Amino acid sequence: MRGSVQGVGFRMAAAAEARRLSVAGSVRNRFDGTVEAEVEGTADAVAAMGAWLAQGPPSARVDSVEADELELRGESGFRIA
């Protein structure tokens, strides 16, 4: 995610939303000022998480999202990296 996404509680809010949706994976800040998330779960839950990530918490401003489909890792739980 690009925009005003670091220093605004984005990762904590994303982890809470991931738990609510029962998806697994991780979210982390990148050195270039973006946030990266990896999400695993049912198709509906992943789509819902993707929609949430595109908006973010009220304190954030998401300007753009890039999404790639990756090979499943078999993650359990959601962590802030």
PDB file of N, CA and C in Angstrom:
ATOM      1  N   MET A   1       0.834  -1.154   0.000  1.00  0.00           N
ATOM      2  CA  MET A   1       0.000   0.000   0.000  1.00  0.00           C
ATOM      3  C   MET A   1       0.884   1.222   0.000  1.00  0.00           C
ATOM      4  N   ARG A   2       0.517   2.158  -0.789  1.00  0.00           N
ATOM      5  CA  ARG A   2       1.232   3.427  -0.843  1.00  0.00           C
ATOM      6  C   ARG A   2       0.306   4.534  -0.356  1.00  0.00           C
ATOM      7  N   GLY A   3       0.887   5.542   0.219  1.00  0.00           N
ATOM      8  CA  GLY A   3       0.131   6.679   0.730  1.00  0.00           C
ATOM      9  C   GLY A   3       0.646   7.020   2.116  1.00  0.00           C
ATOM     10  N   SER A   4      -0.216   7.564   2.944  1.00  0.00           N
ATOM     11  CA  SER A   4       0.134   7.854   4.325  1.00  0.00           C
ATOM     12  C   SER A   4      -0.241   6.616   5.148  1.00  0.00           C
ATOM     13  N   VAL A   5       0.672   5.634   5.123  1.00  0.00           N
ATOM     14  CA  VAL A   5       0.369   4.329   5.706  1.00  0.00           C
ATOM     15  C   VAL A   5       1.331   3.904   6.814  1.00  0.00           C
ATOM     16  N   GLN A   6       2.353   4.683   7.079  1.00  0.00           N
ATOM     17  CA  GLN A   6       3.262   4.363   8.179  1.00  0.00           C
ATOM     18  C   GLN A   6       3.105   5.414   9.264  1.00  0.00           C
ATOM     19  N   GLY A   7       3.200   4.953  10.516  1.00  0.00           N
ATOM     20  CA  GLY A   7       3.087   5.871  11.644  1.00  0.00           C
ATOM     21  C   GLY A   7       1.649   6.259  11.951  1.00  0.00           C
ATOM     22  N   VAL A   8       0.682   5.498  11.425  1.00  0.00           N
ATOM     23  CA  VAL A   8      -0.729   5.817  11.631  1.00  0.00           C
ATOM     24  C   VAL A   8      -1.515   4.633  12.199  1.00  0.00           C
ATOM     25  N   GLY A   9      -0.816   3.624  12.692  1.00  0.00           N
ATOM     26  CA  GLY A   9      -1.472   2.458  13.261  1.00  0.00           C
ATOM     27  C   GLY A   9      -1.979   1.465  12.234  1.00  0.00           C
ATOM     28  N   PHE A  10      -1.487   1.563  11.011  1.00  0.00           N
ATOM     29  CA  PHE A  10      -1.969   0.702   9.925  1.00  0.00           C
ATOM     30  C   PHE A  10      -1.753  -0.775  10.238  1.00  0.00           C
ATOM     31  N   ARG A  11      -0.552  -1.135  10.686  1.00  0.00           N
ATOM     32  CA  ARG A  11      -0.257  -2.554  10.924  1.00  0.00           C
ATOM     33  C   ARG A  11      -1.094  -3.134  12.056  1.00  0.00           C
ATOM     34  N   MET A  12      -1.263  -2.387  13.129  1.00  0.00           N
ATOM     35  CA  MET A  12      -2.074  -2.868  14.254  1.00  0.00           C
ATOM     36  C   MET A  12      -3.526  -3.042  13.822  1.00  0.00           C
ATOM     37  N   ALA A  13      -4.052  -2.085  13.082  1.00  0.00           N
ATOM     38  CA  ALA A  13      -5.438  -2.173  12.613  1.00  0.00           C
ATOM     39  C   ALA A  13      -5.590  -3.319  11.622  1.00  0.00           C
ATOM     40  N   ALA A  14      -4.591  -3.522  10.762  1.00  0.00           N
ATOM     41  CA  ALA A  14      -4.645  -4.626   9.798  1.00  0.00           C
ATOM     42  C   ALA A  14      -4.646  -5.972  10.521  1.00  0.00           C
ATOM     43  N   ALA A  15      -3.851  -6.098  11.563  1.00  0.00           N
ATOM     44  CA  ALA A  15      -3.814  -7.344  12.326  1.00  0.00           C
ATOM     45  C   ALA A  15      -5.155  -7.605  12.998  1.00  0.00           C
ATOM     46  N   ALA A  16      -5.778  -6.568  13.531  1.00  0.00           N
ATOM     47  CA  ALA A  16      -7.086  -6.726  14.159  1.00  0.00           C
ATOM     48  C   ALA A  16      -8.126  -7.148  13.128  1.00  0.00           C
ATOM     49  N   GLU A  17      -8.096  -6.545  11.955  1.00  0.00           N
ATOM     50  CA  GLU A  17      -9.038  -6.908  10.895  1.00  0.00           C
ATOM     51  C   GLU A  17      -8.782  -8.324  10.401  1.00  0.00           C
ATOM     52  N   ALA A  18      -7.530  -8.716  10.298  1.00  0.00           N
ATOM     53  CA  ALA A  18      -7.194 -10.080   9.882  1.00  0.00           C
ATOM     54  C   ALA A  18      -7.741 -11.101  10.873  1.00  0.00           C
ATOM     55  N   ARG A  19      -7.620 -10.809  12.155  1.00  0.00           N
ATOM     56  CA  ARG A  19      -8.179 -11.705  13.165  1.00  0.00           C
ATOM     57  C   ARG A  19      -9.695 -11.769  13.037  1.00  0.00           C
ATOM     58  N   ARG A  20     -10.333 -10.634  12.811  1.00  0.00           N
ATOM     59  CA  ARG A  20     -11.789 -10.599  12.671  1.00  0.00           C
ATOM     60  C   ARG A  20     -12.247 -11.436  11.481  1.00  0.00           C
ATOM     61  N   LEU A  21     -11.474 -11.396  10.388  1.00  0.00           N
ATOM     62  CA  LEU A  21     -11.828 -12.124   9.170  1.00  0.00           C
ATOM     63  C   LEU A  21     -11.287 -13.551   9.157  1.00  0.00           C
ATOM     64  N   SER A  22     -10.514 -13.910  10.173  1.00  0.00           N
ATOM     65  CA  SER A  22      -9.898 -15.248  10.267  1.00  0.00           C
ATOM     66  C   SER A  22      -8.987 -15.556   9.084  1.00  0.00           C
ATOM     67  N   VAL A  23      -8.169 -14.574   8.707  1.00  0.00           N
ATOM     68  CA  VAL A  23      -7.151 -14.817   7.692  1.00  0.00           C
ATOM     69  C   VAL A  23      -5.795 -14.910   8.370  1.00  0.00           C
ATOM     70  N   ALA A  24      -4.871 -15.562   7.705  1.00  0.00           N
ATOM     71  CA  ALA A  24      -3.511 -15.721   8.215  1.00  0.00           C
ATOM     72  C   ALA A  24      -2.566 -14.880   7.370  1.00  0.00           C
ATOM     73  N   GLY A  25      -1.353 -14.683   7.871  1.00  0.00           N
ATOM     74  CA  GLY A  25      -0.345 -13.968   7.103  1.00  0.00           C
ATOM     75  C   GLY A  25       0.426 -12.980   7.951  1.00  0.00           C
ATOM     76  N   SER A  26       0.812 -11.872   7.316  1.00  0.00           N
ATOM     77  CA  SER A  26       1.619 -10.872   8.016  1.00  0.00           C
ATOM     78  C   SER A  26       1.478  -9.517   7.349  1.00  0.00           C
ATOM     79  N   VAL A  27       1.904  -8.508   8.085  1.00  0.00           N
ATOM     80  CA  VAL A  27       1.944  -7.139   7.573  1.00  0.00           C
ATOM     81  C   VAL A  27       3.219  -6.498   8.091  1.00  0.00           C
ATOM     82  N   ARG A  28       3.871  -5.711   7.240  1.00  0.00           N
ATOM     83  CA  ARG A  28       5.124  -5.079   7.676  1.00  0.00           C
ATOM     84  C   ARG A  28       5.333  -3.747   6.972  1.00  0.00           C
ATOM     85  N   ASN A  29       6.069  -2.854   7.628  1.00  0.00           N
ATOM     86  CA  ASN A  29       6.519  -1.616   7.008  1.00  0.00           C
ATOM     87  C   ASN A  29       7.726  -1.921   6.147  1.00  0.00           C
ATOM     88  N   ARG A  30       7.816  -1.239   5.018  1.00  0.00           N
ATOM     89  CA  ARG A  30       8.990  -1.364   4.158  1.00  0.00           C
ATOM     90  C   ARG A  30       9.792  -0.073   4.250  1.00  0.00           C
ATOM     91  N   PHE A  31      11.054  -0.158   3.928  1.00  0.00           N
ATOM     92  CA  PHE A  31      11.944   1.002   4.035  1.00  0.00           C
ATOM     93  C   PHE A  31      11.545   2.142   3.106  1.00  0.00           C
ATOM     94  N   ASP A  32      10.823   1.838   2.032  1.00  0.00           N
ATOM     95  CA  ASP A  32      10.446   2.884   1.071  1.00  0.00           C
ATOM     96  C   ASP A  32       9.177   3.640   1.473  1.00  0.00           C
ATOM     97  N   GLY A  33       8.647   3.376   2.682  1.00  0.00           N
ATOM     98  CA  GLY A  33       7.475   4.087   3.169  1.00  0.00           C
ATOM     99  C   GLY A  33       6.156   3.400   2.865  1.00  0.00           C
ATOM    100  N   THR A  34       6.213   2.247   2.225  1.00  0.00           N
ATOM    101  CA  THR A  34       4.995   1.498   1.928  1.00  0.00           C
ATOM    102  C   THR A  34       4.752   0.449   3.010  1.00  0.00           C
ATOM    103  N   VAL A  35       3.602  -0.187   2.929  1.00  0.00           N
ATOM    104  CA  VAL A  35       3.264  -1.301   3.805  1.00  0.00           C
ATOM    105  C   VAL A  35       3.003  -2.509   2.922  1.00  0.00           C
ATOM    106  N   GLU A  36       3.517  -3.661   3.335  1.00  0.00           N
ATOM    107  CA  GLU A  36       3.334  -4.906   2.592  1.00  0.00           C
ATOM    108  C   GLU A  36       2.565  -5.889   3.458  1.00  0.00           C
ATOM    109  N   ALA A  37       1.567  -6.548   2.863  1.00  0.00           N
ATOM    110  CA  ALA A  37       0.791  -7.558   3.581  1.00  0.00           C
ATOM    111  C   ALA A  37       0.733  -8.825   2.755  1.00  0.00           C
ATOM    112  N   GLU A  38       0.794  -9.957   3.433  1.00  0.00           N
ATOM    113  CA  GLU A  38       0.558 -11.264   2.814  1.00  0.00           C
ATOM    114  C   GLU A  38      -0.616 -11.869   3.552  1.00  0.00           C
ATOM    115  N   VAL A  39      -1.601 -12.352   2.791  1.00  0.00           N
ATOM    116  CA  VAL A  39      -2.858 -12.814   3.381  1.00  0.00           C
ATOM    117  C   VAL A  39      -3.236 -14.165   2.803  1.00  0.00           C
ATOM    118  N   GLU A  40      -3.611 -15.103   3.667  1.00  0.00           N
ATOM    119  CA  GLU A  40      -4.101 -16.424   3.267  1.00  0.00           C
ATOM    120  C   GLU A  40      -5.434 -16.682   3.949  1.00  0.00           C
ATOM    121  N   GLY A  41      -6.326 -17.352   3.248  1.00  0.00           N
ATOM    122  CA  GLY A  41      -7.616 -17.727   3.819  1.00  0.00           C
ATOM    123  C   GLY A  41      -8.569 -18.111   2.715  1.00  0.00           C
ATOM    124  N   THR A  42      -9.845 -18.160   3.037  1.00  0.00           N
ATOM    125  CA  THR A  42     -10.835 -18.453   2.019  1.00  0.00           C
ATOM    126  C   THR A  42     -10.860 -17.307   1.015  1.00  0.00           C
ATOM    127  N   ALA A  43     -11.354 -17.590  -0.179  1.00  0.00           N
ATOM    128  CA  ALA A  43     -11.406 -16.558  -1.217  1.00  0.00           C
ATOM    129  C   ALA A  43     -12.195 -15.342  -0.746  1.00  0.00           C
ATOM    130  N   ASP A  44     -13.328 -15.571  -0.084  1.00  0.00           N
ATOM    131  CA  ASP A  44     -14.154 -14.447   0.391  1.00  0.00           C
ATOM    132  C   ASP A  44     -13.432 -13.634   1.459  1.00  0.00           C
ATOM    133  N   ALA A  45     -12.758 -14.322   2.389  1.00  0.00           N
ATOM    134  CA  ALA A  45     -12.054 -13.621   3.460  1.00  0.00           C
ATOM    135  C   ALA A  45     -10.863 -12.836   2.918  1.00  0.00           C
ATOM    136  N   VAL A  46     -10.144 -13.411   1.970  1.00  0.00           N
ATOM    137  CA  VAL A  46      -9.003 -12.705   1.367  1.00  0.00           C
ATOM    138  C   VAL A  46      -9.505 -11.479   0.596  1.00  0.00           C
ATOM    139  N   ALA A  47     -10.612 -11.629  -0.121  1.00  0.00           N
ATOM    140  CA  ALA A  47     -11.185 -10.485  -0.851  1.00  0.00           C
ATOM    141  C   ALA A  47     -11.611  -9.387   0.117  1.00  0.00           C
ATOM    142  N   ALA A  48     -12.228  -9.771   1.236  1.00  0.00           N
ATOM    143  CA  ALA A  48     -12.644  -8.790   2.232  1.00  0.00           C
ATOM    144  C   ALA A  48     -11.435  -8.083   2.841  1.00  0.00           C
ATOM    145  N   MET A  49     -10.370  -8.830   3.114  1.00  0.00           N
ATOM    146  CA  MET A  49      -9.157  -8.224   3.665  1.00  0.00           C
ATOM    147  C   MET A  49      -8.538  -7.290   2.639  1.00  0.00           C
ATOM    148  N   GLY A  50      -8.533  -7.701   1.374  1.00  0.00           N
ATOM    149  CA  GLY A  50      -8.006  -6.830   0.319  1.00  0.00           C
ATOM    150  C   GLY A  50      -8.772  -5.530   0.228  1.00  0.00           C
ATOM    151  N   ALA A  51     -10.089  -5.597   0.355  1.00  0.00           N
ATOM    152  CA  ALA A  51     -10.906  -4.379   0.327  1.00  0.00           C
ATOM    153  C   ALA A  51     -10.582  -3.490   1.521  1.00  0.00           C
ATOM    154  N   TRP A  52     -10.386  -4.116   2.694  1.00  0.00           N
ATOM    155  CA  TRP A  52     -10.034  -3.324   3.874  1.00  0.00           C
ATOM    156  C   TRP A  52      -8.664  -2.669   3.688  1.00  0.00           C
ATOM    157  N   LEU A  53      -7.691  -3.427   3.190  1.00  0.00           N
ATOM    158  CA  LEU A  53      -6.347  -2.881   2.989  1.00  0.00           C
ATOM    159  C   LEU A  53      -6.355  -1.711   2.017  1.00  0.00           C
ATOM    160  N   ALA A  54      -7.239  -1.737   1.031  1.00  0.00           N
ATOM    161  CA  ALA A  54      -7.320  -0.656   0.052  1.00  0.00           C
ATOM    162  C   ALA A  54      -7.834   0.638   0.678  1.00  0.00           C
ATOM    163  N   GLN A  55      -8.505   0.512   1.805  1.00  0.00           N
ATOM    164  CA  GLN A  55      -9.011   1.690   2.500  1.00  0.00           C
ATOM    165  C   GLN A  55      -8.173   2.001   3.735  1.00  0.00           C
ATOM    166  N   GLY A  56      -7.809   0.970   4.493  1.00  0.00           N
ATOM    167  CA  GLY A  56      -7.011   1.141   5.704  1.00  0.00           C
ATOM    168  C   GLY A  56      -7.821   1.710   6.846  1.00  0.00           C
ATOM    169  N   PRO A  57      -7.164   1.948   7.972  1.00  0.00           N
ATOM    170  CA  PRO A  57      -7.850   2.526   9.127  1.00  0.00           C
ATOM    171  C   PRO A  57      -8.141   4.009   8.874  1.00  0.00           C
ATOM    172  N   PRO A  58      -9.018   4.609   9.682  1.00  0.00           N
ATOM    173  CA  PRO A  58      -9.370   6.024   9.467  1.00  0.00           C
ATOM    174  C   PRO A  58      -8.168   6.974   9.482  1.00  0.00           C
ATOM    175  N   SER A  59      -7.104   6.619  10.206  1.00  0.00           N
ATOM    176  CA  SER A  59      -5.942   7.502  10.317  1.00  0.00           C
ATOM    177  C   SER A  59      -5.024   7.444   9.095  1.00  0.00           C
ATOM    178  N   ALA A  60      -5.261   6.511   8.190  1.00  0.00           N
ATOM    179  CA  ALA A  60      -4.383   6.322   7.026  1.00  0.00           C
ATOM    180  C   ALA A  60      -5.002   6.927   5.770  1.00  0.00           C
ATOM    181  N   ARG A  61      -4.161   7.110   4.778  1.00  0.00           N
ATOM    182  CA  ARG A  61      -4.605   7.481   3.438  1.00  0.00           C
ATOM    183  C   ARG A  61      -3.921   6.523   2.466  1.00  0.00           C
ATOM    184  N   VAL A  62      -4.672   5.631   1.871  1.00  0.00           N
ATOM    185  CA  VAL A  62      -4.128   4.673   0.916  1.00  0.00           C
ATOM    186  C   VAL A  62      -4.319   5.241  -0.483  1.00  0.00           C
ATOM    187  N   ASP A  63      -3.199   5.480  -1.174  1.00  0.00           N
ATOM    188  CA  ASP A  63      -3.256   6.022  -2.534  1.00  0.00           C
ATOM    189  C   ASP A  63      -3.300   4.930  -3.586  1.00  0.00           C
ATOM    190  N   SER A  64      -2.626   3.811  -3.333  1.00  0.00           N
ATOM    191  CA  SER A  64      -2.626   2.721  -4.312  1.00  0.00           C
ATOM    192  C   SER A  64      -2.273   1.411  -3.630  1.00  0.00           C
ATOM    193  N   VAL A  65      -2.718   0.332  -4.265  1.00  0.00           N
ATOM    194  CA  VAL A  65      -2.459  -1.024  -3.787  1.00  0.00           C
ATOM    195  C   VAL A  65      -2.018  -1.858  -4.976  1.00  0.00           C
ATOM    196  N   GLU A  66      -0.971  -2.621  -4.795  1.00  0.00           N
ATOM    197  CA  GLU A  66      -0.541  -3.599  -5.789  1.00  0.00           C
ATOM    198  C   GLU A  66      -0.788  -4.974  -5.199  1.00  0.00           C
ATOM    199  N   ALA A  67      -1.393  -5.867  -5.976  1.00  0.00           N
ATOM    200  CA  ALA A  67      -1.696  -7.208  -5.472  1.00  0.00           C
ATOM    201  C   ALA A  67      -1.109  -8.259  -6.402  1.00  0.00           C
ATOM    202  N   ASP A  68      -0.496  -9.251  -5.816  1.00  0.00           N
ATOM    203  CA  ASP A  68       0.054 -10.392  -6.545  1.00  0.00           C
ATOM    204  C   ASP A  68      -0.469 -11.658  -5.891  1.00  0.00           C
ATOM    205  N   GLU A  69      -0.723 -12.668  -6.700  1.00  0.00           N
ATOM    206  CA  GLU A  69      -1.111 -13.960  -6.154  1.00  0.00           C
ATOM    207  C   GLU A  69       0.159 -14.776  -5.950  1.00  0.00           C
ATOM    208  N   LEU A  70       0.355 -15.239  -4.727  1.00  0.00           N
ATOM    209  CA  LEU A  70       1.547 -15.995  -4.365  1.00  0.00           C
ATOM    210  C   LEU A  70       1.177 -17.426  -4.019  1.00  0.00           C
ATOM    211  N   GLU A  71       2.179 -18.271  -3.981  1.00  0.00           N
ATOM    212  CA  GLU A  71       1.975 -19.655  -3.555  1.00  0.00           C
ATOM    213  C   GLU A  71       1.641 -19.672  -2.068  1.00  0.00           C
ATOM    214  N   LEU A  72       0.687 -20.507  -1.680  1.00  0.00           N
ATOM    215  CA  LEU A  72       0.301 -20.604  -0.276  1.00  0.00           C
ATOM    216  C   LEU A  72       1.472 -21.087   0.575  1.00  0.00           C
ATOM    217  N   ARG A  73       1.582 -20.538   1.789  1.00  0.00           N
ATOM    218  CA  ARG A  73       2.647 -20.937   2.709  1.00  0.00           C
ATOM    219  C   ARG A  73       2.126 -21.793   3.850  1.00  0.00           C
ATOM    220  N   GLY A  74       0.817 -21.870   3.980  1.00  0.00           N
ATOM    221  CA  GLY A  74       0.248 -22.625   5.098  1.00  0.00           C
ATOM    222  C   GLY A  74       0.382 -21.904   6.412  1.00  0.00           C
ATOM    223  N   GLU A  75       0.303 -20.579   6.389  1.00  0.00           N
ATOM    224  CA  GLU A  75       0.438 -19.772   7.599  1.00  0.00           C
ATOM    225  C   GLU A  75      -0.710 -20.055   8.565  1.00  0.00           C
ATOM    226  N   SER A  76      -0.438 -19.859   9.840  1.00  0.00           N
ATOM    227  CA  SER A  76      -1.493 -19.878  10.843  1.00  0.00           C
ATOM    228  C   SER A  76      -1.323 -18.628  11.671  1.00  0.00           C
ATOM    229  N   GLY A  77      -2.402 -17.932  11.909  1.00  0.00           N
ATOM    230  CA  GLY A  77      -2.336 -16.675  12.642  1.00  0.00           C
ATOM    231  C   GLY A  77      -1.879 -15.545  11.752  1.00  0.00           C
ATOM    232  N   PHE A  78      -1.919 -14.343  12.289  1.00  0.00           N
ATOM    233  CA  PHE A  78      -1.516 -13.149  11.557  1.00  0.00           C
ATOM    234  C   PHE A  78      -0.551 -12.382  12.424  1.00  0.00           C
ATOM    235  N   ARG A  79       0.570 -12.001  11.871  1.00  0.00           N
ATOM    236  CA  ARG A  79       1.595 -11.334  12.688  1.00  0.00           C
ATOM    237  C   ARG A  79       2.027 -10.006  12.072  1.00  0.00           C
ATOM    238  N   ILE A  80       2.485  -9.153  12.937  1.00  0.00           N
ATOM    239  CA  ILE A  80       3.103  -7.898  12.516  1.00  0.00           C
ATOM    240  C   ILE A  80       4.593  -8.159  12.459  1.00  0.00           C
ATOM    241  N   ALA A  81       5.159  -7.988  11.292  1.00  0.00           N
ATOM    242  CA  ALA A  81       6.591  -8.278  11.108  1.00  0.00           C
ATOM    243  C   ALA A  81       7.415  -7.007  11.214  1.00  0.00           C
TER     244      ALA A  81
END
